[in-house]
PDB file of N, CA and C in Angstrom:
ATOM      1  N   UNK A   1       4.955   9.244 -11.032  1.00  0.00           N
ATOM      2  CA  UNK A   1       4.528   8.819  -9.463  1.00  0.00           C
ATOM      3  C   UNK A   1       5.018   7.667  -9.051  1.00  0.00           C
ATOM      4  N   UNK A   2       5.434   7.771  -7.582  1.00  0.00           N
ATOM      5  CA  UNK A   2       5.758   6.121  -6.520  1.00  0.00           C
ATOM      6  C   UNK A   2       4.740   5.833  -6.180  1.00  0.00           C
ATOM      7  N   UNK A   3       4.470   4.646  -5.983  1.00  0.00           N
ATOM      8  CA  UNK A   3       3.490   4.038  -4.657  1.00  0.00           C
ATOM      9  C   UNK A   3       3.878   2.861  -4.222  1.00  0.00           C
ATOM     10  N   UNK A   4       2.868   3.426  -2.924  1.00  0.00           N
ATOM     11  CA  UNK A   4       3.795   2.263  -2.070  1.00  0.00           C
ATOM     12  C   UNK A   4       2.608   1.559  -1.761  1.00  0.00           C
ATOM     13  N   UNK A   5       2.614  -0.170  -1.778  1.00  0.00           N
ATOM     14  CA  UNK A   5       1.573  -0.844  -1.012  1.00  0.00           C
ATOM     15  C   UNK A   5       2.000  -2.010   0.439  1.00  0.00           C
ATOM     16  N   UNK A   6       1.516  -1.819   1.031  1.00  0.00           N
ATOM     17  CA  UNK A   6       1.164  -2.266   1.960  1.00  0.00           C
ATOM     18  C   UNK A   6       1.096  -3.893   1.750  1.00  0.00           C
ATOM     19  N   UNK A   7       1.809  -4.541   1.811  1.00  0.00           N
ATOM     20  CA  UNK A   7       1.596  -6.544   1.644  1.00  0.00           C
ATOM     21  C   UNK A   7       1.137  -7.171   2.757  1.00  0.00           C
ATOM     22  N   UNK A   8       0.505  -7.828   2.723  1.00  0.00           N
ATOM     23  CA  UNK A   8       0.652  -8.889   3.472  1.00  0.00           C
ATOM     24  C   UNK A   8       0.041 -10.554   2.901  1.00  0.00           C
ATOM     25  N   UNK A   9       0.781 -11.393   2.367  1.00  0.00           N
ATOM     26  CA  UNK A   9       0.278 -12.711   2.081  1.00  0.00           C
ATOM     27  C   UNK A   9      -0.467 -12.541   0.500  1.00  0.00           C
ATOM     28  N   UNK A  10       0.208 -11.364  -0.440  1.00  0.00           N
ATOM     29  CA  UNK A  10      -0.257 -11.027  -1.526  1.00  0.00           C
ATOM     30  C   UNK A  10      -1.663 -10.535  -1.440  1.00  0.00           C
ATOM     31  N   UNK A  11      -1.850  -9.881  -0.686  1.00  0.00           N
ATOM     32  CA  UNK A  11      -3.111  -9.275  -0.364  1.00  0.00           C
ATOM     33  C   UNK A  11      -2.497  -7.578   0.217  1.00  0.00           C
ATOM     34  N   UNK A  12      -3.101  -6.521   0.608  1.00  0.00           N
ATOM     35  CA  UNK A  12      -3.254  -5.431   1.219  1.00  0.00           C
ATOM     36  C   UNK A  12      -3.297  -5.413   2.698  1.00  0.00           C
ATOM     37  N   UNK A  13      -2.231  -5.134   3.231  1.00  0.00           N
ATOM     38  CA  UNK A  13      -2.305  -5.430   4.449  1.00  0.00           C
ATOM     39  C   UNK A  13      -3.337  -5.289   5.401  1.00  0.00           C
ATOM     40  N   UNK A  14      -3.819  -5.512   5.902  1.00  0.00           N
ATOM     41  CA  UNK A  14      -4.818  -5.183   6.775  1.00  0.00           C
ATOM     42  C   UNK A  14      -4.383  -3.792   7.875  1.00  0.00           C
ATOM     43  N   UNK A  15      -3.054  -3.780   8.541  1.00  0.00           N
ATOM     44  CA  UNK A  15      -2.915  -2.454   9.437  1.00  0.00           C
ATOM     45  C   UNK A  15      -1.283  -2.095   8.914  1.00  0.00           C
ATOM     46  N   UNK A  16      -1.606  -0.690   8.619  1.00  0.00           N
ATOM     47  CA  UNK A  16      -0.053  -0.075   8.202  1.00  0.00           C
ATOM     48  C   UNK A  16       1.072  -0.170   9.552  1.00  0.00           C
ATOM     49  N   UNK A  17       0.723   0.067  10.678  1.00  0.00           N
ATOM     50  CA  UNK A  17       1.181  -0.176  11.049  1.00  0.00           C
ATOM     51  C   UNK A  17       2.175  -1.786  11.768  1.00  0.00           C
ATOM     52  N   UNK A  18       1.683  -3.102  11.207  1.00  0.00           N
ATOM     53  CA  UNK A  18       2.043  -4.285  11.511  1.00  0.00           C
ATOM     54  C   UNK A  18       2.453  -4.659  10.126  1.00  0.00           C
ATOM     55  N   UNK A  19       2.594  -4.135   9.393  1.00  0.00           N
ATOM     56  CA  UNK A  19       3.039  -4.168   7.931  1.00  0.00           C
ATOM     57  C   UNK A  19       4.922  -4.378   7.833  1.00  0.00           C
ATOM     58  N   UNK A  20       5.034  -5.346   7.419  1.00  0.00           N
ATOM     59  CA  UNK A  20       6.341  -5.945   7.192  1.00  0.00           C
ATOM     60  C   UNK A  20       7.014  -5.863   5.820  1.00  0.00           C
ATOM     61  N   UNK A  21       6.316  -5.860   5.081  1.00  0.00           N
ATOM     62  CA  UNK A  21       6.784  -5.800   3.507  1.00  0.00           C
ATOM     63  C   UNK A  21       5.618  -5.100   2.914  1.00  0.00           C
ATOM     64  N   UNK A  22       6.673  -4.376   1.884  1.00  0.00           N
ATOM     65  CA  UNK A  22       6.004  -3.412   1.130  1.00  0.00           C
ATOM     66  C   UNK A  22       6.515  -3.333  -0.392  1.00  0.00           C
ATOM     67  N   UNK A  23       5.053  -2.719  -1.303  1.00  0.00           N
ATOM     68  CA  UNK A  23       5.907  -2.798  -3.073  1.00  0.00           C
ATOM     69  C   UNK A  23       6.028  -1.617  -3.566  1.00  0.00           C
ATOM     70  N   UNK A  24       6.971  -1.617  -3.944  1.00  0.00           N
ATOM     71  CA  UNK A  24       6.937   0.276  -4.230  1.00  0.00           C
ATOM     72  C   UNK A  24       6.597  -0.269  -6.285  1.00  0.00           C
ATOM     73  N   UNK A  25       5.871   1.315  -5.956  1.00  0.00           N
ATOM     74  CA  UNK A  25       5.716   0.980  -7.937  1.00  0.00           C
ATOM     75  C   UNK A  25       6.116   1.972  -8.345  1.00  0.00           C
ATOM     76  N   UNK A  26       6.953   2.286  -9.708  1.00  0.00           N
ATOM     77  CA  UNK A  26       6.837   3.776  -9.786  1.00  0.00           C
ATOM     78  C   UNK A  26       5.735   3.791 -11.390  1.00  0.00           C
ATOM     79  N   UNK A  27       5.268   4.321 -11.229  1.00  0.00           N
ATOM     80  CA  UNK A  27       4.271   4.758 -12.289  1.00  0.00           C
ATOM     81  C   UNK A  27       4.374   6.289 -12.696  1.00  0.00           C
ATOM     82  N   UNK A  28       3.945   6.179 -14.286  1.00  0.00           N
ATOM     83  CA  UNK A  28       3.783   6.862 -15.389  1.00  0.00           C
ATOM     84  C   UNK A  28       2.904   7.263 -16.460  1.00  0.00           C
ATOM     85  N   UNK A  29       1.826   7.823 -16.439  1.00  0.00           N
ATOM     86  CA  UNK A  29       0.877   8.174 -17.511  1.00  0.00           C
ATOM     87  C   UNK A  29       0.082   6.712 -17.012  1.00  0.00           C
ATOM     88  N   UNK A  30      -0.283   6.040 -15.972  1.00  0.00           N
ATOM     89  CA  UNK A  30      -1.217   4.986 -15.564  1.00  0.00           C
ATOM     90  C   UNK A  30      -0.566   3.867 -16.262  1.00  0.00           C
ATOM     91  N   UNK A  31       0.887   3.836 -15.909  1.00  0.00           N
ATOM     92  CA  UNK A  31       1.794   2.739 -16.617  1.00  0.00           C
ATOM     93  C   UNK A  31       2.682   2.041 -15.787  1.00  0.00           C
ATOM     94  N   UNK A  32       2.880   1.071 -14.985  1.00  0.00           N
ATOM     95  CA  UNK A  32       4.484   0.214 -14.740  1.00  0.00           C
ATOM     96  C   UNK A  32       5.680   0.670 -15.165  1.00  0.00           C
ATOM     97  N   UNK A  33       6.537   1.693 -14.973  1.00  0.00           N
ATOM     98  CA  UNK A  33       7.758   2.189 -15.662  1.00  0.00           C
ATOM     99  C   UNK A  33       8.424   0.778 -15.484  1.00  0.00           C
ATOM    100  N   UNK A  34       8.830   0.287 -14.275  1.00  0.00           N
ATOM    101  CA  UNK A  34       9.265  -1.621 -14.197  1.00  0.00           C
ATOM    102  C   UNK A  34       8.541  -2.350 -13.227  1.00  0.00           C
ATOM    103  N   UNK A  35       9.197  -3.552 -13.364  1.00  0.00           N
ATOM    104  CA  UNK A  35       8.395  -4.223 -12.227  1.00  0.00           C
ATOM    105  C   UNK A  35       8.402  -4.105 -10.378  1.00  0.00           C
ATOM    106  N   UNK A  36       7.223  -3.701  -9.670  1.00  0.00           N
ATOM    107  CA  UNK A  36       7.103  -3.429  -8.678  1.00  0.00           C
ATOM    108  C   UNK A  36       8.453  -3.955  -8.035  1.00  0.00           C
ATOM    109  N   UNK A  37       8.707  -3.062  -6.877  1.00  0.00           N
ATOM    110  CA  UNK A  37      10.255  -4.045  -6.294  1.00  0.00           C
ATOM    111  C   UNK A  37       9.718  -4.333  -4.913  1.00  0.00           C
ATOM    112  N   UNK A  38      10.023  -4.816  -3.947  1.00  0.00           N
ATOM    113  CA  UNK A  38       9.592  -5.767  -2.699  1.00  0.00           C
ATOM    114  C   UNK A  38       9.751  -5.233  -1.818  1.00  0.00           C
ATOM    115  N   UNK A  39      10.004  -4.731  -0.515  1.00  0.00           N
ATOM    116  CA  UNK A  39      11.459  -4.485   0.677  1.00  0.00           C
ATOM    117  C   UNK A  39      10.409  -5.137   1.974  1.00  0.00           C
ATOM    118  N   UNK A  40      11.330  -6.155   2.441  1.00  0.00           N
ATOM    119  CA  UNK A  40      10.819  -6.640   3.483  1.00  0.00           C
ATOM    120  C   UNK A  40      11.813  -5.220   4.579  1.00  0.00           C
ATOM    121  N   UNK A  41      10.660  -5.119   5.877  1.00  0.00           N
ATOM    122  CA  UNK A  41      10.890  -4.450   6.812  1.00  0.00           C
ATOM    123  C   UNK A  41      11.271  -5.479   8.030  1.00  0.00           C
ATOM    124  N   UNK A  42      12.711  -4.938   9.062  1.00  0.00           N
ATOM    125  CA  UNK A  42      12.981  -5.729   9.788  1.00  0.00           C
ATOM    126  C   UNK A  42      12.051  -6.241  10.633  1.00  0.00           C
ATOM    127  N   UNK A  43      11.004  -5.064  10.955  1.00  0.00           N
ATOM    128  CA  UNK A  43       9.768  -5.243  11.924  1.00  0.00           C
ATOM    129  C   UNK A  43       8.793  -4.453  11.656  1.00  0.00           C
ATOM    130  N   UNK A  44       7.304  -4.811  12.177  1.00  0.00           N
ATOM    131  CA  UNK A  44       6.111  -4.147  12.388  1.00  0.00           C
ATOM    132  C   UNK A  44       6.720  -2.739  12.973  1.00  0.00           C
ATOM    133  N   UNK A  45       6.292  -1.424  12.534  1.00  0.00           N
ATOM    134  CA  UNK A  45       6.646  -0.370  13.153  1.00  0.00           C
ATOM    135  C   UNK A  45       5.953   1.170  12.042  1.00  0.00           C
ATOM    136  N   UNK A  46       4.850   1.973  12.141  1.00  0.00           N
ATOM    137  CA  UNK A  46       4.354   2.303  11.408  1.00  0.00           C
ATOM    138  C   UNK A  46       5.144   4.023  11.485  1.00  0.00           C
ATOM    139  N   UNK A  47       6.239   4.007  12.394  1.00  0.00           N
ATOM    140  CA  UNK A  47       7.227   5.164  12.710  1.00  0.00           C
ATOM    141  C   UNK A  47       8.020   5.052  11.188  1.00  0.00           C
ATOM    142  N   UNK A  48       8.751   3.416  11.225  1.00  0.00           N
ATOM    143  CA  UNK A  48       9.489   2.749  10.753  1.00  0.00           C
ATOM    144  C   UNK A  48       8.840   3.487   9.309  1.00  0.00           C
ATOM    145  N   UNK A  49       7.810   2.879   8.978  1.00  0.00           N
ATOM    146  CA  UNK A  49       7.319   2.640   7.456  1.00  0.00           C
ATOM    147  C   UNK A  49       7.107   4.404   6.986  1.00  0.00           C
ATOM    148  N   UNK A  50       6.699   5.300   7.986  1.00  0.00           N
ATOM    149  CA  UNK A  50       6.602   6.845   7.471  1.00  0.00           C
ATOM    150  C   UNK A  50       8.095   7.067   6.915  1.00  0.00           C
ATOM    151  N   UNK A  51       9.244   6.619   8.272  1.00  0.00           N
ATOM    152  CA  UNK A  51      10.489   7.038   7.268  1.00  0.00           C
ATOM    153  C   UNK A  51      10.872   6.765   6.380  1.00  0.00           C
ATOM    154  N   UNK A  52      10.118   5.339   5.837  1.00  0.00           N
ATOM    155  CA  UNK A  52      10.460   4.682   4.608  1.00  0.00           C
ATOM    156  C   UNK A  52       9.921   5.182   3.490  1.00  0.00           C
ATOM    157  N   UNK A  53       8.873   5.872   3.168  1.00  0.00           N
ATOM    158  CA  UNK A  53       7.844   6.384   2.730  1.00  0.00           C
ATOM    159  C   UNK A  53       8.651   8.084   1.960  1.00  0.00           C
ATOM    160  N   UNK A  54       8.849   8.475   3.341  1.00  0.00           N
ATOM    161  CA  UNK A  54       9.764   9.867   2.826  1.00  0.00           C
ATOM    162  C   UNK A  54      11.221   9.719   2.837  1.00  0.00           C
ATOM    163  N   UNK A  55      11.689   8.805   2.717  1.00  0.00           N
ATOM    164  CA  UNK A  55      13.409   8.523   2.267  1.00  0.00           C
ATOM    165  C   UNK A  55      12.967   8.396   0.632  1.00  0.00           C
ATOM    166  N   UNK A  56      12.100   7.575   0.365  1.00  0.00           N
ATOM    167  CA  UNK A  56      11.863   6.712  -0.859  1.00  0.00           C
ATOM    168  C   UNK A  56      10.720   7.933  -1.960  1.00  0.00           C
ATOM    169  N   UNK A  57      10.977   8.834  -1.226  1.00  0.00           N
ATOM    170  CA  UNK A  57      10.086   9.759  -2.181  1.00  0.00           C
ATOM    171  C   UNK A  57       9.205   9.539  -2.423  1.00  0.00           C
ATOM    172  N   UNK A  58       7.637   8.633  -1.816  1.00  0.00           N
ATOM    173  CA  UNK A  58       6.336   7.855  -2.444  1.00  0.00           C
ATOM    174  C   UNK A  58       5.723   9.080  -1.908  1.00  0.00           C
ATOM    175  N   UNK A  59       4.814   9.039  -3.536  1.00  0.00           N
ATOM    176  CA  UNK A  59       3.704  10.442  -3.618  1.00  0.00           C
ATOM    177  C   UNK A  59       2.508   9.775  -3.074  1.00  0.00           C
ATOM    178  N   UNK A  60       2.336   8.347  -2.997  1.00  0.00           N
ATOM    179  CA  UNK A  60       0.725   7.666  -3.000  1.00  0.00           C
ATOM    180  C   UNK A  60       1.242   6.294  -2.000  1.00  0.00           C
ATOM    181  N   UNK A  61       0.293   6.419  -1.035  1.00  0.00           N
ATOM    182  CA  UNK A  61       0.235   5.411   0.151  1.00  0.00           C
ATOM    183  C   UNK A  61      -0.986   4.295  -0.035  1.00  0.00           C
ATOM    184  N   UNK A  62      -1.169   3.224  -0.458  1.00  0.00           N
ATOM    185  CA  UNK A  62      -2.317   2.171  -0.601  1.00  0.00           C
ATOM    186  C   UNK A  62      -2.030   0.973   0.762  1.00  0.00           C
ATOM    187  N   UNK A  63      -3.056   1.527   1.531  1.00  0.00           N
ATOM    188  CA  UNK A  63      -3.305   0.299   2.812  1.00  0.00           C
ATOM    189  C   UNK A  63      -4.237  -0.001   3.127  1.00  0.00           C
ATOM    190  N   UNK A  64      -4.424  -0.878   3.968  1.00  0.00           N
ATOM    191  CA  UNK A  64      -5.918  -0.946   4.413  1.00  0.00           C
ATOM    192  C   UNK A  64      -6.094  -0.384   6.100  1.00  0.00           C
ATOM    193  N   UNK A  65      -6.104  -0.734   7.014  1.00  0.00           N
ATOM    194  CA  UNK A  65      -6.036   0.529   8.158  1.00  0.00           C
ATOM    195  C   UNK A  65      -5.086   0.693   8.819  1.00  0.00           C
ATOM    196  N   UNK A  66      -4.975   2.632   9.047  1.00  0.00           N
ATOM    197  CA  UNK A  66      -3.964   3.324   9.340  1.00  0.00           C
ATOM    198  C   UNK A  66      -4.346   3.932  10.544  1.00  0.00           C
ATOM    199  N   UNK A  67      -3.557   4.435  11.223  1.00  0.00           N
ATOM    200  CA  UNK A  67      -3.872   4.952  12.586  1.00  0.00           C
ATOM    201  C   UNK A  67      -3.790   6.576  12.288  1.00  0.00           C
ATOM    202  N   UNK A  68      -4.958   7.387  12.766  1.00  0.00           N
ATOM    203  CA  UNK A  68      -5.258   8.720  12.667  1.00  0.00           C
ATOM    204  C   UNK A  68      -3.957   9.121  13.083  1.00  0.00           C
ATOM    205  N   UNK A  69      -2.748   9.401  13.489  1.00  0.00           N
ATOM    206  CA  UNK A  69      -1.501   9.694  13.699  1.00  0.00           C
ATOM    207  C   UNK A  69      -0.446   9.472  12.295  1.00  0.00           C
ATOM    208  N   UNK A  70      -0.452   8.178  11.826  1.00  0.00           N
ATOM    209  CA  UNK A  70       0.236   8.455  10.768  1.00  0.00           C
ATOM    210  C   UNK A  70      -0.402   8.617   9.453  1.00  0.00           C
ATOM    211  N   UNK A  71      -1.754   8.585   9.400  1.00  0.00           N
ATOM    212  CA  UNK A  71      -2.777   9.150   8.568  1.00  0.00           C
ATOM    213  C   UNK A  71      -1.960  10.703   8.232  1.00  0.00           C
ATOM    214  N   UNK A  72      -2.175  11.468   9.534  1.00  0.00           N
ATOM    215  CA  UNK A  72      -2.375  12.884   9.497  1.00  0.00           C
ATOM    216  C   UNK A  72      -0.668  13.504   9.448  1.00  0.00           C
ATOM    217  N   UNK A  73      -0.118  12.481   9.518  1.00  0.00           N
ATOM    218  CA  UNK A  73       1.391  12.820   9.267  1.00  0.00           C
ATOM    219  C   UNK A  73       1.732  12.895   7.749  1.00  0.00           C
ATOM    220  N   UNK A  74       1.467  11.823   6.984  1.00  0.00           N
ATOM    221  CA  UNK A  74       1.600  11.914   6.065  1.00  0.00           C
ATOM    222  C   UNK A  74       1.201  12.697   5.290  1.00  0.00           C
ATOM    223  N   UNK A  75      -0.376  13.229   5.483  1.00  0.00           N
ATOM    224  CA  UNK A  75      -1.000  13.980   5.083  1.00  0.00           C
ATOM    225  C   UNK A  75      -0.213  15.204   4.881  1.00  0.00           C
ATOM    226  N   UNK A  76       0.011  15.937   6.405  1.00  0.00           N
ATOM    227  CA  UNK A  76       1.017  17.028   6.392  1.00  0.00           C
ATOM    228  C   UNK A  76       2.231  17.048   5.473  1.00  0.00           C
ATOM    229  N   UNK A  77       2.993  15.731   5.264  1.00  0.00           N
ATOM    230  CA  UNK A  77       3.693  15.633   4.211  1.00  0.00           C
ATOM    231  C   UNK A  77       3.579  15.601   2.977  1.00  0.00           C
ATOM    232  N   UNK A  78       2.594  15.815   2.742  1.00  0.00           N
ATOM    233  CA  UNK A  78       1.911  16.046   1.166  1.00  0.00           C
ATOM    234  C   UNK A  78       1.432  14.591   0.506  1.00  0.00           C
ATOM    235  N   UNK A  79       1.429  13.298   0.835  1.00  0.00           N
ATOM    236  CA  UNK A  79       1.984  12.228  -0.039  1.00  0.00           C
ATOM    237  C   UNK A  79       0.203  12.036   0.560  1.00  0.00           C
ATOM    238  N   UNK A  80      -0.457  11.095  -0.595  1.00  0.00           N
ATOM    239  CA  UNK A  80      -1.612  10.712  -0.467  1.00  0.00           C
ATOM    240  C   UNK A  80      -1.840   9.565  -0.238  1.00  0.00           C
ATOM    241  N   UNK A  81      -2.638   9.238   0.544  1.00  0.00           N
ATOM    242  CA  UNK A  81      -2.766   8.083   1.573  1.00  0.00           C
ATOM    243  C   UNK A  81      -4.380   7.815   1.146  1.00  0.00           C
ATOM    244  N   UNK A  82      -4.433   6.453   0.318  1.00  0.00           N
ATOM    245  CA  UNK A  82      -5.547   5.660   0.047  1.00  0.00           C
ATOM    246  C   UNK A  82      -5.763   4.522   0.835  1.00  0.00           C
ATOM    247  N   UNK A  83      -6.591   4.407   1.949  1.00  0.00           N
ATOM    248  CA  UNK A  83      -6.687   3.595   2.930  1.00  0.00           C
ATOM    249  C   UNK A  83      -8.206   3.050   3.016  1.00  0.00           C
ATOM    250  N   UNK A  84      -8.191   1.975   3.622  1.00  0.00           N
ATOM    251  CA  UNK A  84      -9.186   1.072   3.792  1.00  0.00           C
ATOM    252  C   UNK A  84      -9.637   0.356   2.580  1.00  0.00           C
ATOM    253  N   UNK A  85      -8.591  -0.152   2.196  1.00  0.00           N
ATOM    254  CA  UNK A  85      -8.415  -0.975   0.622  1.00  0.00           C
ATOM    255  C   UNK A  85      -8.349  -2.489   1.241  1.00  0.00           C
ATOM    256  N   UNK A  86      -8.989  -3.178   0.426  1.00  0.00           N
ATOM    257  CA  UNK A  86      -9.037  -4.717   1.044  1.00  0.00           C
ATOM    258  C   UNK A  86      -9.065  -5.296  -0.318  1.00  0.00           C
ATOM    259  N   UNK A  87      -8.047  -6.668  -0.514  1.00  0.00           N
ATOM    260  CA  UNK A  87      -7.716  -7.420  -1.913  1.00  0.00           C
ATOM    261  C   UNK A  87      -6.680  -7.770  -2.189  1.00  0.00           C
ATOM    262  N   UNK A  88      -6.479  -8.146  -3.019  1.00  0.00           N
ATOM    263  CA  UNK A  88      -5.392  -8.882  -3.641  1.00  0.00           C
ATOM    264  C   UNK A  88      -4.512  -7.898  -4.058  1.00  0.00           C
ATOM    265  N   UNK A  89      -3.102  -7.486  -3.826  1.00  0.00           N
ATOM    266  CA  UNK A  89      -2.578  -6.425  -4.337  1.00  0.00           C
ATOM    267  C   UNK A  89      -2.314  -6.246  -5.638  1.00  0.00           C
ATOM    268  N   UNK A  90      -2.265  -7.366  -6.550  1.00  0.00           N
ATOM    269  CA  UNK A  90      -1.867  -7.130  -8.019  1.00  0.00           C
ATOM    270  C   UNK A  90      -3.320  -6.476  -8.402  1.00  0.00           C
ATOM    271  N   UNK A  91      -4.215  -6.847  -7.871  1.00  0.00           N
ATOM    272  CA  UNK A  91      -5.879  -6.028  -8.325  1.00  0.00           C
ATOM    273  C   UNK A  91      -6.210  -4.813  -7.959  1.00  0.00           C
ATOM    274  N   UNK A  92      -5.385  -4.410  -6.818  1.00  0.00           N
ATOM    275  CA  UNK A  92      -5.166  -3.197  -5.991  1.00  0.00           C
ATOM    276  C   UNK A  92      -4.762  -1.895  -6.834  1.00  0.00           C
ATOM    277  N   UNK A  93      -3.197  -2.710  -7.401  1.00  0.00           N
ATOM    278  CA  UNK A  93      -2.250  -2.307  -7.813  1.00  0.00           C
ATOM    279  C   UNK A  93      -3.052  -1.671  -9.539  1.00  0.00           C
ATOM    280  N   UNK A  94      -3.742  -2.718 -10.139  1.00  0.00           N
ATOM    281  CA  UNK A  94      -4.526  -2.214 -11.503  1.00  0.00           C
ATOM    282  C   UNK A  94      -5.477  -0.746 -11.301  1.00  0.00           C
ATOM    283  N   UNK A  95      -6.165  -1.105 -10.137  1.00  0.00           N
ATOM    284  CA  UNK A  95      -7.164  -0.189 -10.199  1.00  0.00           C
ATOM    285  C   UNK A  95      -6.292   1.050  -9.900  1.00  0.00           C
ATOM    286  N   UNK A  96      -5.363   1.055  -8.939  1.00  0.00           N
ATOM    287  CA  UNK A  96      -4.169   2.536  -8.793  1.00  0.00           C
ATOM    288  C   UNK A  96      -3.870   2.832 -10.886  1.00  0.00           C
ATOM    289  N   UNK A  97      -3.466   1.953 -11.455  1.00  0.00           N
ATOM    290  CA  UNK A  97      -2.831   2.404 -12.458  1.00  0.00           C
ATOM    291  C   UNK A  97      -4.261   3.176 -13.248  1.00  0.00           C
ATOM    292  N   UNK A  98      -5.554   2.524 -13.264  1.00  0.00           N
ATOM    293  CA  UNK A  98      -6.297   3.162 -14.144  1.00  0.00           C
ATOM    294  C   UNK A  98      -6.972   4.430 -13.674  1.00  0.00           C
ATOM    295  N   UNK A  99      -6.548   4.556 -12.474  1.00  0.00           N
ATOM    296  CA  UNK A  99      -6.589   6.025 -11.527  1.00  0.00           C
ATOM    297  C   UNK A  99      -8.350   5.780 -11.232  1.00  0.00           C
ATOM    298  N   UNK A 100      -8.479   3.954 -10.643  1.00  0.00           N
ATOM    299  CA  UNK A 100      -9.800   4.157 -10.063  1.00  0.00           C
ATOM    300  C   UNK A 100      -9.992   3.425  -8.967  1.00  0.00           C
ATOM    301  N   UNK A 101      -8.694   3.553  -8.240  1.00  0.00           N
ATOM    302  CA  UNK A 101      -8.622   3.303  -6.626  1.00  0.00           C
ATOM    303  C   UNK A 101      -9.366   4.203  -6.109  1.00  0.00           C
ATOM    304  N   UNK A 102      -9.879   3.776  -5.346  1.00  0.00           N
ATOM    305  CA  UNK A 102     -10.597   5.005  -3.689  1.00  0.00           C
ATOM    306  C   UNK A 102     -10.518   3.995  -2.419  1.00  0.00           C
ATOM    307  N   UNK A 103     -10.399   5.450  -1.747  1.00  0.00           N
ATOM    308  CA  UNK A 103     -10.468   5.209  -0.085  1.00  0.00           C
ATOM    309  C   UNK A 103     -11.890   4.135   0.028  1.00  0.00           C
ATOM    310  N   UNK A 104     -11.626   3.068   0.846  1.00  0.00           N
ATOM    311  CA  UNK A 104     -12.582   1.828   0.973  1.00  0.00           C
ATOM    312  C   UNK A 104     -12.683   0.853  -0.020  1.00  0.00           C
ATOM    313  N   UNK A 105     -12.042   0.541  -0.984  1.00  0.00           N
ATOM    314  CA  UNK A 105     -12.718  -0.012  -1.667  1.00  0.00           C
ATOM    315  C   UNK A 105     -12.381  -1.500  -1.404  1.00  0.00           C
ATOM    316  N   UNK A 106     -13.125  -2.660  -1.550  1.00  0.00           N
ATOM    317  CA  UNK A 106     -12.894  -3.774  -1.486  1.00  0.00           C
ATOM    318  C   UNK A 106     -12.972  -4.762  -2.658  1.00  0.00           C
ATOM    319  N   UNK A 107     -12.098  -5.530  -2.760  1.00  0.00           N
ATOM    320  CA  UNK A 107     -11.862  -6.455  -3.999  1.00  0.00           C
ATOM    321  C   UNK A 107     -12.041  -7.609  -3.277  1.00  0.00           C
ATOM    322  N   UNK A 108     -13.026  -8.572  -3.818  1.00  0.00           N
ATOM    323  CA  UNK A 108     -13.331  -9.714  -3.327  1.00  0.00           C
ATOM    324  C   UNK A 108     -12.175 -10.724  -4.298  1.00  0.00           C
ATOM    325  N   UNK A 109     -12.217 -12.154  -3.214  1.00  0.00           N
ATOM    326  CA  UNK A 109     -10.985 -13.006  -3.797  1.00  0.00           C
ATOM    327  C   UNK A 109      -9.709 -12.752  -3.606  1.00  0.00           C
ATOM    328  N   UNK A 110      -9.533 -12.752  -2.022  1.00  0.00           N
ATOM    329  CA  UNK A 110      -8.416 -12.337  -1.689  1.00  0.00           C
ATOM    330  C   UNK A 110      -7.291 -13.423  -1.513  1.00  0.00           C
ATOM    331  N   UNK A 111      -5.910 -13.361  -1.854  1.00  0.00           N
ATOM    332  CA  UNK A 111      -5.347 -15.024  -2.236  1.00  0.00           C
ATOM    333  C   UNK A 111      -4.321 -14.977  -0.612  1.00  0.00           C
ATOM    334  N   UNK A 112      -4.105 -15.911  -0.731  1.00  0.00           N
ATOM    335  CA  UNK A 112      -3.122 -16.449   0.629  1.00  0.00           C
ATOM    336  C   UNK A 112      -3.440 -18.047   1.231  1.00  0.00           C
ATOM    337  N   UNK A 113      -3.396 -18.085   2.394  1.00  0.00           N
ATOM    338  CA  UNK A 113      -4.431 -19.321   3.259  1.00  0.00           C
ATOM    339  C   UNK A 113      -5.322 -19.208   3.779  1.00  0.00           C
ATOM    340  N   UNK A 114      -6.108 -19.061   2.824  1.00  0.00           N
ATOM    341  CA  UNK A 114      -7.740 -19.335   3.356  1.00  0.00           C
ATOM    342  C   UNK A 114      -7.989 -20.750   3.188  1.00  0.00           C
ATOM    343  N   UNK A 115      -8.394 -21.633   4.036  1.00  0.00           N
ATOM    344  CA  UNK A 115      -9.340 -22.148   4.437  1.00  0.00           C
ATOM    345  C   UNK A 115     -10.857 -22.637   3.699  1.00  0.00           C
ATOM    346  N   UNK A 116     -11.195 -23.607   2.506  1.00  0.00           N
ATOM    347  CA  UNK A 116     -12.189 -24.161   2.235  1.00  0.00           C
ATOM    348  C   UNK A 116     -13.053 -24.048   3.048  1.00  0.00           C
ATOM    349  N   UNK A 117     -14.548 -23.668   2.714  1.00  0.00           N
ATOM    350  CA  UNK A 117     -15.239 -23.785   4.023  1.00  0.00           C
ATOM    351  C   UNK A 117     -15.948 -25.324   3.959  1.00  0.00           C
TER     352      UNK A 117
END
C-alpha cells in the first residue's frame, strides 16, 4: 500500500489545499518498506495534489481538513481518505502502520515553531 501524508512543519498539514510538502510511504504488512519519501510541491493547489496522488498510485491519503470536492473526487477514484487528523506526522504514521488511525484523530504534542506560554 502507498500512503500520502500532507506535511507542515513536521505535523499533518491543517489544510489539504494549502499543502506544499507531502510524505509518501510504502507500507506492506504494517511495516515501512523504505524510509518515507518527501516531495516538495511547487505551490499550494488541491487539484495539483490530487493529480500527484493519482500519478503516484496512492491508496490512502492522511490529511487535516479537506474540501468536500477533493474528498469526493478521491473517494470516486477509490482512494481512502483519513481526514481531520491533527498531530506530528511521525506519530500519525505509527498509528497508520498499526492500523489504528481513524478520521478525527488528534495527537497532542505537535512539533514545530510553537512558543512557550
